[in-house]
Amino acid sequence: MYAHVVARRIVGYSHEVDLGDGHEIVVDEPASDGGTDTGPRPGQLLATSLAGCTAITIELYAKRKGWELAGLEVAVDMSSESESSPPHAVPTHFTVEVTLPAGLDDEQRRKLLVIAERCPVHKLLEHGSEITVVERALD
């Protein structure tokens, strides 16, 4: 997997993020923290990525098995042990709550919860990743 994502300042803390595939989002901070509240906090996108990835991972597995998952829902609670308030609080715990539809047997439910932990974002958050910061000169 490869991604090249670019965040460009709009004003204040507000940044337009080009996801490189024709999609763009805006990230910002709430007005109470000096932002303009024009988009989600970057940390919210971390929880969003975990919820979305978990849901898609479960759906892909269920599709291969021929299981219908209408009503599947994945909720993520992200918390920090830090007394700092966002944006300085570093997430230290994620709780992933998977709501599965009725009609699945106990073994199907157990297997889907195991599969939920195989989501690539889950693995990244659980095991970490190397990050390198480099400067690029302006043209």
N, C-alpha and C. Protein backbone atom coordinates (compact mmCIF):
# COMPACT_ATOMS: atom_id res chain seq x y z
N MET A 1 0.84 -1.18 0.00
CA MET A 1 0.00 0.00 0.00
C MET A 1 0.89 1.24 0.00
N TYR A 2 0.52 2.21 -0.80
CA TYR A 2 1.24 3.47 -0.87
C TYR A 2 0.23 4.60 -0.88
N ALA A 3 0.53 5.66 -0.17
CA ALA A 3 -0.32 6.86 -0.19
C ALA A 3 0.57 8.08 -0.14
N HIS A 4 0.18 9.11 -0.86
CA HIS A 4 0.85 10.41 -0.80
C HIS A 4 -0.25 11.43 -0.53
N VAL A 5 -0.22 12.01 0.65
CA VAL A 5 -1.26 12.93 1.11
C VAL A 5 -0.60 14.26 1.41
N VAL A 6 -1.23 15.36 1.00
CA VAL A 6 -0.64 16.69 1.19
C VAL A 6 -1.64 17.59 1.91
N ALA A 7 -1.21 18.20 3.02
CA ALA A 7 -2.03 19.17 3.74
C ALA A 7 -1.53 20.57 3.41
N ARG A 8 -2.44 21.44 2.98
CA ARG A 8 -2.09 22.82 2.62
C ARG A 8 -2.90 23.78 3.47
N ARG A 9 -2.21 24.74 4.07
CA ARG A 9 -2.87 25.70 4.95
C ARG A 9 -3.88 26.54 4.20
N ILE A 10 -5.05 26.67 4.80
CA ILE A 10 -6.08 27.57 4.28
C ILE A 10 -5.99 28.87 5.07
N VAL A 11 -6.25 28.78 6.36
CA VAL A 11 -6.13 29.91 7.28
C VAL A 11 -6.07 29.35 8.70
N GLY A 12 -5.26 29.95 9.54
CA GLY A 12 -5.16 29.46 10.92
C GLY A 12 -4.76 28.00 10.96
N TYR A 13 -5.52 27.21 11.71
CA TYR A 13 -5.24 25.77 11.79
C TYR A 13 -5.94 24.97 10.70
N SER A 14 -6.77 25.62 9.92
CA SER A 14 -7.54 24.94 8.88
C SER A 14 -6.63 24.57 7.70
N HIS A 15 -6.67 23.30 7.32
CA HIS A 15 -5.85 22.80 6.21
C HIS A 15 -6.70 21.94 5.29
N GLU A 16 -6.51 22.15 3.98
CA GLU A 16 -7.13 21.28 3.00
C GLU A 16 -6.15 20.13 2.78
N VAL A 17 -6.67 18.92 2.86
CA VAL A 17 -5.82 17.74 2.69
C VAL A 17 -6.20 17.06 1.38
N ASP A 18 -5.23 17.00 0.47
CA ASP A 18 -5.40 16.33 -0.82
C ASP A 18 -4.99 14.88 -0.61
N LEU A 19 -5.95 13.97 -0.78
CA LEU A 19 -5.68 12.56 -0.56
C LEU A 19 -5.06 11.88 -1.77
N GLY A 20 -4.86 12.64 -2.84
CA GLY A 20 -4.14 12.13 -3.99
C GLY A 20 -4.93 11.25 -4.93
N ASP A 21 -6.19 11.06 -4.66
CA ASP A 21 -7.00 10.21 -5.53
C ASP A 21 -8.29 10.91 -5.94
N GLY A 22 -8.22 12.23 -5.99
CA GLY A 22 -9.40 13.00 -6.34
C GLY A 22 -10.27 13.37 -5.15
N HIS A 23 -9.90 12.94 -3.97
CA HIS A 23 -10.65 13.27 -2.76
C HIS A 23 -9.89 14.32 -1.95
N GLU A 24 -10.64 15.21 -1.35
CA GLU A 24 -10.05 16.22 -0.46
C GLU A 24 -10.92 16.33 0.78
N ILE A 25 -10.27 16.62 1.90
CA ILE A 25 -10.99 16.89 3.14
C ILE A 25 -10.34 18.11 3.79
N VAL A 26 -11.03 18.69 4.72
CA VAL A 26 -10.49 19.81 5.49
C VAL A 26 -10.36 19.36 6.94
N VAL A 27 -9.20 19.62 7.53
CA VAL A 27 -8.99 19.38 8.96
C VAL A 27 -8.80 20.71 9.64
N ASP A 28 -9.21 20.77 10.89
CA ASP A 28 -9.16 22.04 11.63
C ASP A 28 -9.26 21.72 13.11
N GLU A 29 -9.28 22.75 13.89
CA GLU A 29 -9.51 22.65 15.32
C GLU A 29 -10.76 23.47 15.64
N PRO A 30 -11.45 23.15 16.73
CA PRO A 30 -12.63 23.93 17.11
C PRO A 30 -12.24 25.37 17.46
N ALA A 31 -13.20 26.25 17.36
CA ALA A 31 -12.96 27.66 17.68
C ALA A 31 -12.45 27.81 19.11
N SER A 32 -12.91 26.97 20.02
CA SER A 32 -12.49 27.05 21.42
C SER A 32 -11.00 26.77 21.60
N ASP A 33 -10.37 26.14 20.60
CA ASP A 33 -8.93 25.87 20.63
C ASP A 33 -8.16 26.70 19.61
N GLY A 34 -8.79 27.76 19.10
CA GLY A 34 -8.11 28.66 18.18
C GLY A 34 -8.31 28.37 16.71
N GLY A 35 -9.08 27.35 16.39
CA GLY A 35 -9.36 27.02 15.00
C GLY A 35 -10.60 27.73 14.49
N THR A 36 -11.01 27.35 13.29
CA THR A 36 -12.22 27.94 12.70
C THR A 36 -13.34 26.90 12.59
N ASP A 37 -13.10 25.69 13.08
CA ASP A 37 -14.09 24.62 13.13
C ASP A 37 -14.70 24.31 11.76
N THR A 38 -13.84 24.29 10.73
CA THR A 38 -14.32 24.01 9.38
C THR A 38 -14.18 22.54 8.99
N GLY A 39 -13.66 21.74 9.89
CA GLY A 39 -13.51 20.32 9.62
C GLY A 39 -13.17 19.59 10.90
N PRO A 40 -13.08 18.27 10.82
CA PRO A 40 -12.75 17.48 12.01
C PRO A 40 -11.30 17.72 12.44
N ARG A 41 -11.04 17.43 13.71
CA ARG A 41 -9.67 17.42 14.21
C ARG A 41 -8.93 16.25 13.57
N PRO A 42 -7.63 16.37 13.37
CA PRO A 42 -6.89 15.24 12.81
C PRO A 42 -7.03 13.96 13.65
N GLY A 43 -7.07 14.10 14.96
CA GLY A 43 -7.25 12.93 15.82
C GLY A 43 -8.57 12.22 15.59
N GLN A 44 -9.61 12.99 15.27
CA GLN A 44 -10.89 12.37 14.96
C GLN A 44 -10.78 11.49 13.72
N LEU A 45 -9.94 11.91 12.77
CA LEU A 45 -9.76 11.11 11.56
C LEU A 45 -9.03 9.80 11.87
N LEU A 46 -8.22 9.80 12.91
CA LEU A 46 -7.56 8.57 13.33
C LEU A 46 -8.62 7.57 13.80
N ALA A 47 -9.53 8.01 14.65
CA ALA A 47 -10.63 7.14 15.10
C ALA A 47 -11.53 6.77 13.93
N THR A 48 -11.76 7.70 13.02
CA THR A 48 -12.58 7.45 11.84
C THR A 48 -11.94 6.37 10.98
N SER A 49 -10.63 6.44 10.79
CA SER A 49 -9.92 5.43 10.00
C SER A 49 -10.05 4.05 10.63
N LEU A 50 -9.94 3.98 11.94
CA LEU A 50 -10.06 2.70 12.62
C LEU A 50 -11.47 2.13 12.47
N ALA A 51 -12.49 2.96 12.64
CA ALA A 51 -13.88 2.49 12.50
C ALA A 51 -14.16 2.04 11.07
N GLY A 52 -13.77 2.85 10.10
CA GLY A 52 -14.02 2.52 8.70
C GLY A 52 -13.27 1.27 8.26
N CYS A 53 -12.01 1.17 8.63
CA CYS A 53 -11.20 0.03 8.25
C CYS A 53 -11.75 -1.26 8.88
N THR A 54 -12.14 -1.17 10.14
CA THR A 54 -12.69 -2.34 10.81
C THR A 54 -13.97 -2.81 10.12
N ALA A 55 -14.86 -1.87 9.80
CA ALA A 55 -16.11 -2.21 9.14
C ALA A 55 -15.86 -2.85 7.77
N ILE A 56 -14.95 -2.27 7.00
CA ILE A 56 -14.67 -2.80 5.66
C ILE A 56 -14.01 -4.18 5.76
N THR A 57 -13.10 -4.36 6.70
CA THR A 57 -12.44 -5.65 6.88
C THR A 57 -13.47 -6.74 7.21
N ILE A 58 -14.40 -6.43 8.09
CA ILE A 58 -15.46 -7.38 8.45
C ILE A 58 -16.33 -7.68 7.22
N GLU A 59 -16.71 -6.63 6.49
CA GLU A 59 -17.56 -6.80 5.30
C GLU A 59 -16.88 -7.66 4.24
N LEU A 60 -15.60 -7.45 4.00
CA LEU A 60 -14.88 -8.24 3.00
C LEU A 60 -14.89 -9.72 3.36
N TYR A 61 -14.65 -10.02 4.62
CA TYR A 61 -14.65 -11.41 5.08
C TYR A 61 -16.05 -12.00 4.94
N ALA A 62 -17.05 -11.27 5.40
CA ALA A 62 -18.43 -11.77 5.35
C ALA A 62 -18.87 -12.02 3.91
N LYS A 63 -18.47 -11.14 3.01
CA LYS A 63 -18.83 -11.31 1.59
C LYS A 63 -18.25 -12.61 1.04
N ARG A 64 -16.98 -12.89 1.38
CA ARG A 64 -16.35 -14.14 0.93
C ARG A 64 -17.08 -15.37 1.47
N LYS A 65 -17.64 -15.24 2.66
CA LYS A 65 -18.36 -16.35 3.29
C LYS A 65 -19.82 -16.40 2.87
N GLY A 66 -20.30 -15.35 2.19
CA GLY A 66 -21.70 -15.31 1.79
C GLY A 66 -22.64 -14.92 2.92
N TRP A 67 -22.12 -14.22 3.92
CA TRP A 67 -22.93 -13.81 5.07
C TRP A 67 -23.45 -12.39 4.85
N GLU A 68 -24.70 -12.18 5.11
CA GLU A 68 -25.31 -10.86 4.99
C GLU A 68 -25.10 -10.09 6.30
N LEU A 69 -24.60 -8.87 6.19
CA LEU A 69 -24.33 -8.07 7.38
C LEU A 69 -25.08 -6.75 7.40
N ALA A 70 -26.30 -6.73 6.90
CA ALA A 70 -27.10 -5.50 6.95
C ALA A 70 -27.20 -5.04 8.40
N GLY A 71 -26.93 -3.78 8.63
CA GLY A 71 -27.00 -3.24 9.98
C GLY A 71 -25.67 -3.27 10.73
N LEU A 72 -24.60 -3.75 10.09
CA LEU A 72 -23.29 -3.73 10.75
C LEU A 72 -22.94 -2.31 11.14
N GLU A 73 -22.45 -2.14 12.33
CA GLU A 73 -22.03 -0.82 12.80
C GLU A 73 -20.76 -0.98 13.61
N VAL A 74 -19.81 -0.08 13.40
CA VAL A 74 -18.56 -0.08 14.17
C VAL A 74 -18.40 1.30 14.78
N ALA A 75 -18.31 1.36 16.09
CA ALA A 75 -18.09 2.61 16.81
C ALA A 75 -16.72 2.55 17.48
N VAL A 76 -16.03 3.67 17.50
CA VAL A 76 -14.71 3.74 18.14
C VAL A 76 -14.71 4.87 19.16
N ASP A 77 -14.30 4.54 20.36
CA ASP A 77 -14.05 5.55 21.39
C ASP A 77 -12.54 5.66 21.53
N MET A 78 -12.03 6.86 21.45
CA MET A 78 -10.60 7.12 21.54
C MET A 78 -10.40 7.98 22.78
N SER A 79 -9.45 7.59 23.62
CA SER A 79 -9.20 8.36 24.83
C SER A 79 -7.71 8.53 25.07
N SER A 80 -7.41 9.43 25.99
CA SER A 80 -6.03 9.73 26.34
C SER A 80 -5.89 9.76 27.84
N GLU A 81 -4.76 9.30 28.33
CA GLU A 81 -4.48 9.39 29.76
C GLU A 81 -3.90 10.74 30.12
N SER A 82 -3.55 11.52 29.10
CA SER A 82 -2.94 12.83 29.31
C SER A 82 -3.96 13.81 29.85
N GLU A 83 -3.49 14.74 30.64
CA GLU A 83 -4.36 15.80 31.13
C GLU A 83 -4.40 16.96 30.16
N SER A 84 -3.60 16.86 29.08
CA SER A 84 -3.63 17.90 28.06
C SER A 84 -4.95 17.82 27.31
N SER A 85 -5.38 18.95 26.82
CA SER A 85 -6.58 18.93 25.99
C SER A 85 -6.13 18.87 24.53
N PRO A 86 -7.01 18.38 23.64
CA PRO A 86 -6.64 18.38 22.22
C PRO A 86 -6.22 19.78 21.81
N PRO A 87 -5.31 19.96 20.90
CA PRO A 87 -4.70 18.95 20.04
C PRO A 87 -3.47 18.30 20.63
N HIS A 88 -3.13 18.59 21.90
CA HIS A 88 -1.88 18.09 22.47
C HIS A 88 -2.03 16.72 23.15
N ALA A 89 -3.24 16.30 23.42
CA ALA A 89 -3.45 14.99 24.04
C ALA A 89 -3.15 13.90 23.02
N VAL A 90 -2.35 12.93 23.43
CA VAL A 90 -1.99 11.82 22.54
C VAL A 90 -2.89 10.63 22.88
N PRO A 91 -3.60 10.09 21.90
CA PRO A 91 -4.47 8.95 22.19
C PRO A 91 -3.68 7.78 22.74
N THR A 92 -4.20 7.16 23.79
CA THR A 92 -3.54 6.00 24.38
C THR A 92 -4.42 4.77 24.41
N HIS A 93 -5.70 4.93 24.10
CA HIS A 93 -6.60 3.78 24.14
C HIS A 93 -7.73 3.94 23.13
N PHE A 94 -8.02 2.86 22.45
CA PHE A 94 -9.14 2.82 21.50
C PHE A 94 -10.04 1.65 21.90
N THR A 95 -11.32 1.90 21.99
CA THR A 95 -12.30 0.83 22.20
C THR A 95 -13.12 0.73 20.93
N VAL A 96 -13.11 -0.45 20.33
CA VAL A 96 -13.86 -0.70 19.10
C VAL A 96 -15.08 -1.54 19.47
N GLU A 97 -16.24 -0.99 19.19
CA GLU A 97 -17.50 -1.68 19.49
C GLU A 97 -18.15 -2.08 18.17
N VAL A 98 -18.32 -3.38 17.97
CA VAL A 98 -18.88 -3.92 16.75
C VAL A 98 -20.31 -4.38 17.02
N THR A 99 -21.25 -3.82 16.30
CA THR A 99 -22.65 -4.25 16.40
C THR A 99 -22.95 -5.10 15.18
N LEU A 100 -23.19 -6.38 15.44
CA LEU A 100 -23.48 -7.33 14.36
C LEU A 100 -24.98 -7.54 14.25
N PRO A 101 -25.46 -7.83 13.04
CA PRO A 101 -26.90 -8.04 12.86
C PRO A 101 -27.38 -9.34 13.49
N ALA A 102 -28.68 -9.41 13.75
CA ALA A 102 -29.29 -10.65 14.24
C ALA A 102 -29.20 -11.69 13.13
N GLY A 103 -29.31 -12.93 13.50
CA GLY A 103 -29.33 -13.99 12.50
C GLY A 103 -28.01 -14.71 12.33
N LEU A 104 -26.96 -14.20 12.93
CA LEU A 104 -25.67 -14.88 12.87
C LEU A 104 -25.56 -15.83 14.06
N ASP A 105 -24.93 -16.98 13.85
CA ASP A 105 -24.75 -17.89 14.98
C ASP A 105 -23.52 -17.47 15.80
N ASP A 106 -23.32 -18.13 16.93
CA ASP A 106 -22.23 -17.76 17.84
C ASP A 106 -20.86 -17.88 17.19
N GLU A 107 -20.66 -18.91 16.37
CA GLU A 107 -19.37 -19.11 15.72
C GLU A 107 -19.11 -18.01 14.69
N GLN A 108 -20.12 -17.61 13.94
CA GLN A 108 -19.97 -16.52 12.98
C GLN A 108 -19.62 -15.22 13.71
N ARG A 109 -20.29 -14.95 14.81
CA ARG A 109 -20.03 -13.73 15.59
C ARG A 109 -18.59 -13.74 16.13
N ARG A 110 -18.17 -14.87 16.67
CA ARG A 110 -16.82 -14.99 17.21
C ARG A 110 -15.79 -14.74 16.12
N LYS A 111 -16.00 -15.35 14.96
CA LYS A 111 -15.05 -15.22 13.86
C LYS A 111 -14.98 -13.77 13.36
N LEU A 112 -16.12 -13.10 13.27
CA LEU A 112 -16.13 -11.71 12.80
C LEU A 112 -15.39 -10.79 13.77
N LEU A 113 -15.47 -11.07 15.06
CA LEU A 113 -14.73 -10.24 16.03
C LEU A 113 -13.22 -10.49 15.93
N VAL A 114 -12.83 -11.72 15.62
CA VAL A 114 -11.41 -12.02 15.38
C VAL A 114 -10.95 -11.27 14.13
N ILE A 115 -11.74 -11.31 13.08
CA ILE A 115 -11.41 -10.64 11.82
C ILE A 115 -11.31 -9.13 12.04
N ALA A 116 -12.14 -8.58 12.90
CA ALA A 116 -12.12 -7.13 13.17
C ALA A 116 -10.73 -6.68 13.63
N GLU A 117 -10.03 -7.54 14.34
CA GLU A 117 -8.69 -7.19 14.84
C GLU A 117 -7.62 -7.30 13.76
N ARG A 118 -7.98 -7.76 12.59
CA ARG A 118 -7.02 -7.89 11.48
C ARG A 118 -7.03 -6.69 10.55
N CYS A 119 -7.83 -5.71 10.85
CA CYS A 119 -7.88 -4.49 10.04
C CYS A 119 -6.48 -3.85 10.04
N PRO A 120 -5.98 -3.41 8.88
CA PRO A 120 -4.64 -2.81 8.82
C PRO A 120 -4.44 -1.61 9.74
N VAL A 121 -5.45 -0.79 9.93
CA VAL A 121 -5.31 0.37 10.83
C VAL A 121 -5.18 -0.11 12.27
N HIS A 122 -5.95 -1.12 12.63
CA HIS A 122 -5.85 -1.72 13.97
C HIS A 122 -4.42 -2.21 14.20
N LYS A 123 -3.88 -2.94 13.23
CA LYS A 123 -2.51 -3.48 13.35
C LYS A 123 -1.49 -2.35 13.50
N LEU A 124 -1.65 -1.29 12.72
CA LEU A 124 -0.73 -0.16 12.79
C LEU A 124 -0.76 0.48 14.17
N LEU A 125 -1.95 0.72 14.68
CA LEU A 125 -2.08 1.35 15.99
C LEU A 125 -1.57 0.45 17.11
N GLU A 126 -1.77 -0.84 16.94
CA GLU A 126 -1.36 -1.79 17.95
C GLU A 126 0.16 -2.01 17.98
N HIS A 127 0.78 -2.00 16.80
CA HIS A 127 2.20 -2.32 16.71
C HIS A 127 3.11 -1.15 16.36
N GLY A 128 2.53 -0.03 15.96
CA GLY A 128 3.33 1.14 15.64
C GLY A 128 3.90 1.10 14.23
N SER A 129 4.57 2.17 13.88
CA SER A 129 5.16 2.31 12.56
C SER A 129 6.30 3.30 12.64
N GLU A 130 7.22 3.21 11.72
CA GLU A 130 8.33 4.15 11.67
C GLU A 130 7.88 5.42 10.94
N ILE A 131 8.21 6.57 11.50
CA ILE A 131 7.88 7.85 10.87
C ILE A 131 9.16 8.64 10.71
N THR A 132 9.40 9.15 9.51
CA THR A 132 10.56 9.97 9.22
C THR A 132 10.08 11.35 8.80
N VAL A 133 10.60 12.40 9.41
CA VAL A 133 10.24 13.77 9.05
C VAL A 133 11.43 14.38 8.32
N VAL A 134 11.19 14.89 7.10
CA VAL A 134 12.23 15.53 6.30
C VAL A 134 11.73 16.88 5.83
N GLU A 135 12.65 17.78 5.58
CA GLU A 135 12.29 19.12 5.06
C GLU A 135 12.38 19.11 3.55
N ARG A 136 11.43 19.78 2.92
CA ARG A 136 11.47 19.98 1.49
C ARG A 136 11.50 21.48 1.27
N ALA A 137 12.48 21.95 0.51
CA ALA A 137 12.61 23.40 0.28
C ALA A 137 11.51 23.89 -0.64
N LEU A 138 11.01 25.09 -0.38
CA LEU A 138 10.01 25.71 -1.26
C LEU A 138 10.69 26.11 -2.56
N ASP A 139 9.97 25.97 -3.65
CA ASP A 139 10.52 26.35 -4.96
C ASP A 139 10.52 27.84 -5.13
